[in-house]
Amino acid sequence: MAYLAPDAVIDLVCFTLEAATALVERLCGEIGHLLHRGTGELRVAGPLSV
């Protein structure tokens, strides 16, 4: 997904901490914003940094 160079990514499918962590680590520095919908909550992070 990072090769597409998106301005933002909306995640609707990470259901575990491990999956969410892997997504953030992979996209850090590659995208501007990450919207993550967990189990009933919407969380907005940006700019993305770890």
PDB file of N, CA and C in Angstrom:
ATOM      1  N   MET A   1       0.815  -1.184   0.000  1.00  0.00           N
ATOM      2  CA  MET A   1       0.000   0.000   0.000  1.00  0.00           C
ATOM      3  C   MET A   1       0.862   1.252   0.000  1.00  0.00           C
ATOM      4  N   ALA A   2       1.997   1.234   0.661  1.00  0.00           N
ATOM      5  CA  ALA A   2       2.852   2.418   0.744  1.00  0.00           C
ATOM      6  C   ALA A   2       3.370   2.836  -0.634  1.00  0.00           C
ATOM      7  N   TYR A   3       3.544   1.876  -1.554  1.00  0.00           N
ATOM      8  CA  TYR A   3       4.054   2.212  -2.883  1.00  0.00           C
ATOM      9  C   TYR A   3       3.104   3.122  -3.651  1.00  0.00           C
ATOM     10  N   LEU A   4       1.839   3.193  -3.230  1.00  0.00           N
ATOM     11  CA  LEU A   4       0.870   4.087  -3.875  1.00  0.00           C
ATOM     12  C   LEU A   4       1.057   5.536  -3.455  1.00  0.00           C
ATOM     13  N   ALA A   5       1.865   5.775  -2.408  1.00  0.00           N
ATOM     14  CA  ALA A   5       2.145   7.116  -1.872  1.00  0.00           C
ATOM     15  C   ALA A   5       0.865   7.889  -1.542  1.00  0.00           C
ATOM     16  N   PRO A   6      -0.012   7.303  -0.731  1.00  0.00           N
ATOM     17  CA  PRO A   6      -1.257   7.997  -0.406  1.00  0.00           C
ATOM     18  C   PRO A   6      -1.019   9.146   0.573  1.00  0.00           C
ATOM     19  N   ASP A   7      -1.918  10.126   0.552  1.00  0.00           N
ATOM     20  CA  ASP A   7      -1.881  11.201   1.539  1.00  0.00           C
ATOM     21  C   ASP A   7      -2.421  10.708   2.879  1.00  0.00           C
ATOM     22  N   ALA A   8      -3.350   9.767   2.821  1.00  0.00           N
ATOM     23  CA  ALA A   8      -3.967   9.231   4.036  1.00  0.00           C
ATOM     24  C   ALA A   8      -4.342   7.770   3.816  1.00  0.00           C
ATOM     25  N   VAL A   9      -4.402   7.019   4.913  1.00  0.00           N
ATOM     26  CA  VAL A   9      -4.854   5.631   4.891  1.00  0.00           C
ATOM     27  C   VAL A   9      -5.958   5.497   5.937  1.00  0.00           C
ATOM     28  N   ILE A  10      -7.048   4.837   5.546  1.00  0.00           N
ATOM     29  CA  ILE A  10      -8.144   4.554   6.477  1.00  0.00           C
ATOM     30  C   ILE A  10      -8.139   3.057   6.719  1.00  0.00           C
ATOM     31  N   ASP A  11      -7.889   2.665   7.952  1.00  0.00           N
ATOM     32  CA  ASP A  11      -7.802   1.253   8.311  1.00  0.00           C
ATOM     33  C   ASP A  11      -9.105   0.817   8.964  1.00  0.00           C
ATOM     34  N   LEU A  12      -9.742  -0.189   8.381  1.00  0.00           N
ATOM     35  CA  LEU A  12     -10.978  -0.739   8.938  1.00  0.00           C
ATOM     36  C   LEU A  12     -10.834  -2.214   9.300  1.00  0.00           C
ATOM     37  N   VAL A  13      -9.623  -2.780   9.148  1.00  0.00           N
ATOM     38  CA  VAL A  13      -9.493  -4.223   9.292  1.00  0.00           C
ATOM     39  C   VAL A  13      -8.473  -4.708  10.315  1.00  0.00           C
ATOM     40  N   CYS A  14      -7.740  -3.824  10.976  1.00  0.00           N
ATOM     41  CA  CYS A  14      -6.805  -4.273  12.018  1.00  0.00           C
ATOM     42  C   CYS A  14      -7.589  -4.554  13.296  1.00  0.00           C
ATOM     43  N   PHE A  15      -7.596  -5.803  13.715  1.00  0.00           N
ATOM     44  CA  PHE A  15      -8.355  -6.178  14.905  1.00  0.00           C
ATOM     45  C   PHE A  15      -7.469  -6.549  16.083  1.00  0.00           C
ATOM     46  N   THR A  16      -6.157  -6.559  15.874  1.00  0.00           N
ATOM     47  CA  THR A  16      -5.261  -6.896  16.974  1.00  0.00           C
ATOM     48  C   THR A  16      -4.202  -5.807  17.119  1.00  0.00           C
ATOM     49  N   LEU A  17      -3.625  -5.729  18.286  1.00  0.00           N
ATOM     50  CA  LEU A  17      -2.549  -4.777  18.528  1.00  0.00           C
ATOM     51  C   LEU A  17      -1.375  -5.054  17.600  1.00  0.00           C
ATOM     52  N   GLU A  18      -1.074  -6.314  17.381  1.00  0.00           N
ATOM     53  CA  GLU A  18       0.049  -6.682  16.524  1.00  0.00           C
ATOM     54  C   GLU A  18      -0.163  -6.201  15.094  1.00  0.00           C
ATOM     55  N   ALA A  19      -1.379  -6.367  14.568  1.00  0.00           N
ATOM     56  CA  ALA A  19      -1.676  -5.927  13.200  1.00  0.00           C
ATOM     57  C   ALA A  19      -1.608  -4.410  13.090  1.00  0.00           C
ATOM     58  N   ALA A  20      -2.150  -3.709  14.063  1.00  0.00           N
ATOM     59  CA  ALA A  20      -2.113  -2.246  14.051  1.00  0.00           C
ATOM     60  C   ALA A  20      -0.681  -1.733  14.177  1.00  0.00           C
ATOM     61  N   THR A  21       0.111  -2.351  15.033  1.00  0.00           N
ATOM     62  CA  THR A  21       1.506  -1.956  15.205  1.00  0.00           C
ATOM     63  C   THR A  21       2.285  -2.155  13.909  1.00  0.00           C
ATOM     64  N   ALA A  22       2.082  -3.275  13.256  1.00  0.00           N
ATOM     65  CA  ALA A  22       2.773  -3.548  11.989  1.00  0.00           C
ATOM     66  C   ALA A  22       2.390  -2.515  10.934  1.00  0.00           C
ATOM     67  N   LEU A  23       1.124  -2.144  10.875  1.00  0.00           N
ATOM     68  CA  LEU A  23       0.667  -1.149   9.911  1.00  0.00           C
ATOM     69  C   LEU A  23       1.327   0.198  10.176  1.00  0.00           C
ATOM     70  N   VAL A  24       1.330   0.632  11.422  1.00  0.00           N
ATOM     71  CA  VAL A  24       1.930   1.921  11.772  1.00  0.00           C
ATOM     72  C   VAL A  24       3.421   1.921  11.485  1.00  0.00           C
ATOM     73  N   GLU A  25       4.102   0.862  11.858  1.00  0.00           N
ATOM     74  CA  GLU A  25       5.547   0.800  11.630  1.00  0.00           C
ATOM     75  C   GLU A  25       5.873   0.824  10.142  1.00  0.00           C
ATOM     76  N   ARG A  26       5.082   0.152   9.333  1.00  0.00           N
ATOM     77  CA  ARG A  26       5.335   0.112   7.883  1.00  0.00           C
ATOM     78  C   ARG A  26       5.050   1.455   7.218  1.00  0.00           C
ATOM     79  N   LEU A  27       4.023   2.156   7.673  1.00  0.00           N
ATOM     80  CA  LEU A  27       3.620   3.395   7.013  1.00  0.00           C
ATOM     81  C   LEU A  27       4.284   4.640   7.585  1.00  0.00           C
ATOM     82  N   CYS A  28       4.951   4.520   8.703  1.00  0.00           N
ATOM     83  CA  CYS A  28       5.593   5.678   9.341  1.00  0.00           C
ATOM     84  C   CYS A  28       6.575   6.329   8.374  1.00  0.00           C
ATOM     85  N   GLY A  29       6.393   7.610   8.145  1.00  0.00           N
ATOM     86  CA  GLY A  29       7.251   8.340   7.226  1.00  0.00           C
ATOM     87  C   GLY A  29       6.838   8.245   5.774  1.00  0.00           C
ATOM     88  N   GLU A  30       5.829   7.417   5.480  1.00  0.00           N
ATOM     89  CA  GLU A  30       5.383   7.218   4.100  1.00  0.00           C
ATOM     90  C   GLU A  30       4.081   7.944   3.794  1.00  0.00           C
ATOM     91  N   ILE A  31       3.265   8.197   4.823  1.00  0.00           N
ATOM     92  CA  ILE A  31       1.960   8.827   4.608  1.00  0.00           C
ATOM     93  C   ILE A  31       1.792   9.999   5.565  1.00  0.00           C
ATOM     94  N   GLY A  32       0.806  10.841   5.281  1.00  0.00           N
ATOM     95  CA  GLY A  32       0.554  11.998   6.126  1.00  0.00           C
ATOM     96  C   GLY A  32      -0.370  11.712   7.295  1.00  0.00           C
ATOM     97  N   HIS A  33      -1.414  10.924   7.062  1.00  0.00           N
ATOM     98  CA  HIS A  33      -2.410  10.674   8.102  1.00  0.00           C
ATOM     99  C   HIS A  33      -2.853   9.217   8.080  1.00  0.00           C
ATOM    100  N   LEU A  34      -3.152   8.702   9.266  1.00  0.00           N
ATOM    101  CA  LEU A  34      -3.691   7.358   9.415  1.00  0.00           C
ATOM    102  C   LEU A  34      -4.963   7.446  10.240  1.00  0.00           C
ATOM    103  N   LEU A  35      -6.076   6.993   9.678  1.00  0.00           N
ATOM    104  CA  LEU A  35      -7.325   6.892  10.415  1.00  0.00           C
ATOM    105  C   LEU A  35      -7.535   5.421  10.724  1.00  0.00           C
ATOM    106  N   HIS A  36      -7.667   5.114  12.003  1.00  0.00           N
ATOM    107  CA  HIS A  36      -7.793   3.719  12.433  1.00  0.00           C
ATOM    108  C   HIS A  36      -9.105   3.550  13.164  1.00  0.00           C
ATOM    109  N   ARG A  37      -9.945   2.655  12.655  1.00  0.00           N
ATOM    110  CA  ARG A  37     -11.180   2.331  13.344  1.00  0.00           C
ATOM    111  C   ARG A  37     -10.986   1.001  14.023  1.00  0.00           C
ATOM    112  N   GLY A  38     -11.015   1.035  15.336  1.00  0.00           N
ATOM    113  CA  GLY A  38     -10.856  -0.191  16.111  1.00  0.00           C
ATOM    114  C   GLY A  38     -12.203  -0.839  16.338  1.00  0.00           C
ATOM    115  N   THR A  39     -12.442  -1.296  17.512  1.00  0.00           N
ATOM    116  CA  THR A  39     -13.694  -1.965  17.840  1.00  0.00           C
ATOM    117  C   THR A  39     -14.712  -0.953  18.345  1.00  0.00           C
ATOM    118  N   GLY A  40     -15.202  -0.131  17.447  1.00  0.00           N
ATOM    119  CA  GLY A  40     -16.246   0.822  17.808  1.00  0.00           C
ATOM    120  C   GLY A  40     -15.780   2.247  17.970  1.00  0.00           C
ATOM    121  N   GLU A  41     -14.488   2.493  17.892  1.00  0.00           N
ATOM    122  CA  GLU A  41     -13.971   3.849  18.038  1.00  0.00           C
ATOM    123  C   GLU A  41     -13.267   4.256  16.745  1.00  0.00           C
ATOM    124  N   LEU A  42     -13.237   5.558  16.491  1.00  0.00           N
ATOM    125  CA  LEU A  42     -12.463   6.088  15.377  1.00  0.00           C
ATOM    126  C   LEU A  42     -11.354   6.920  15.951  1.00  0.00           C
ATOM    127  N   ARG A  43     -10.122   6.603  15.576  1.00  0.00           N
ATOM    128  CA  ARG A  43      -8.957   7.327  16.082  1.00  0.00           C
ATOM    129  C   ARG A  43      -8.236   7.952  14.899  1.00  0.00           C
ATOM    130  N   VAL A  44      -7.871   9.202  15.044  1.00  0.00           N
ATOM    131  CA  VAL A  44      -7.188   9.919  13.976  1.00  0.00           C
ATOM    132  C   VAL A  44      -5.795  10.285  14.465  1.00  0.00           C
ATOM    133  N   ALA A  45      -4.786   9.944  13.697  1.00  0.00           N
ATOM    134  CA  ALA A  45      -3.406  10.278  14.030  1.00  0.00           C
ATOM    135  C   ALA A  45      -2.785  10.979  12.836  1.00  0.00           C
ATOM    136  N   GLY A  46      -2.084  12.042  13.087  1.00  0.00           N
ATOM    137  CA  GLY A  46      -1.387  12.700  11.994  1.00  0.00           C
ATOM    138  C   GLY A  46      -0.730  13.957  12.471  1.00  0.00           C
ATOM    139  N   PRO A  47       0.393  14.345  11.977  1.00  0.00           N
ATOM    140  CA  PRO A  47       1.196  13.526  11.075  1.00  0.00           C
ATOM    141  C   PRO A  47       1.749  12.304  11.797  1.00  0.00           C
ATOM    142  N   LEU A  48       1.973  11.252  11.056  1.00  0.00           N
ATOM    143  CA  LEU A  48       2.345   9.971  11.629  1.00  0.00           C
ATOM    144  C   LEU A  48       3.816   9.955  11.988  1.00  0.00           C
ATOM    145  N   SER A  49       4.109   9.637  13.240  1.00  0.00           N
ATOM    146  CA  SER A  49       5.490   9.483  13.685  1.00  0.00           C
ATOM    147  C   SER A  49       5.520   8.489  14.836  1.00  0.00           C
ATOM    148  N   VAL A  50       6.639   7.805  14.969  1.00  0.00           N
ATOM    149  CA  VAL A  50       6.775   6.807  16.037  1.00  0.00           C
ATOM    150  C   VAL A  50       7.970   7.189  16.886  1.00  0.00           C
TER     151      VAL A  50
END
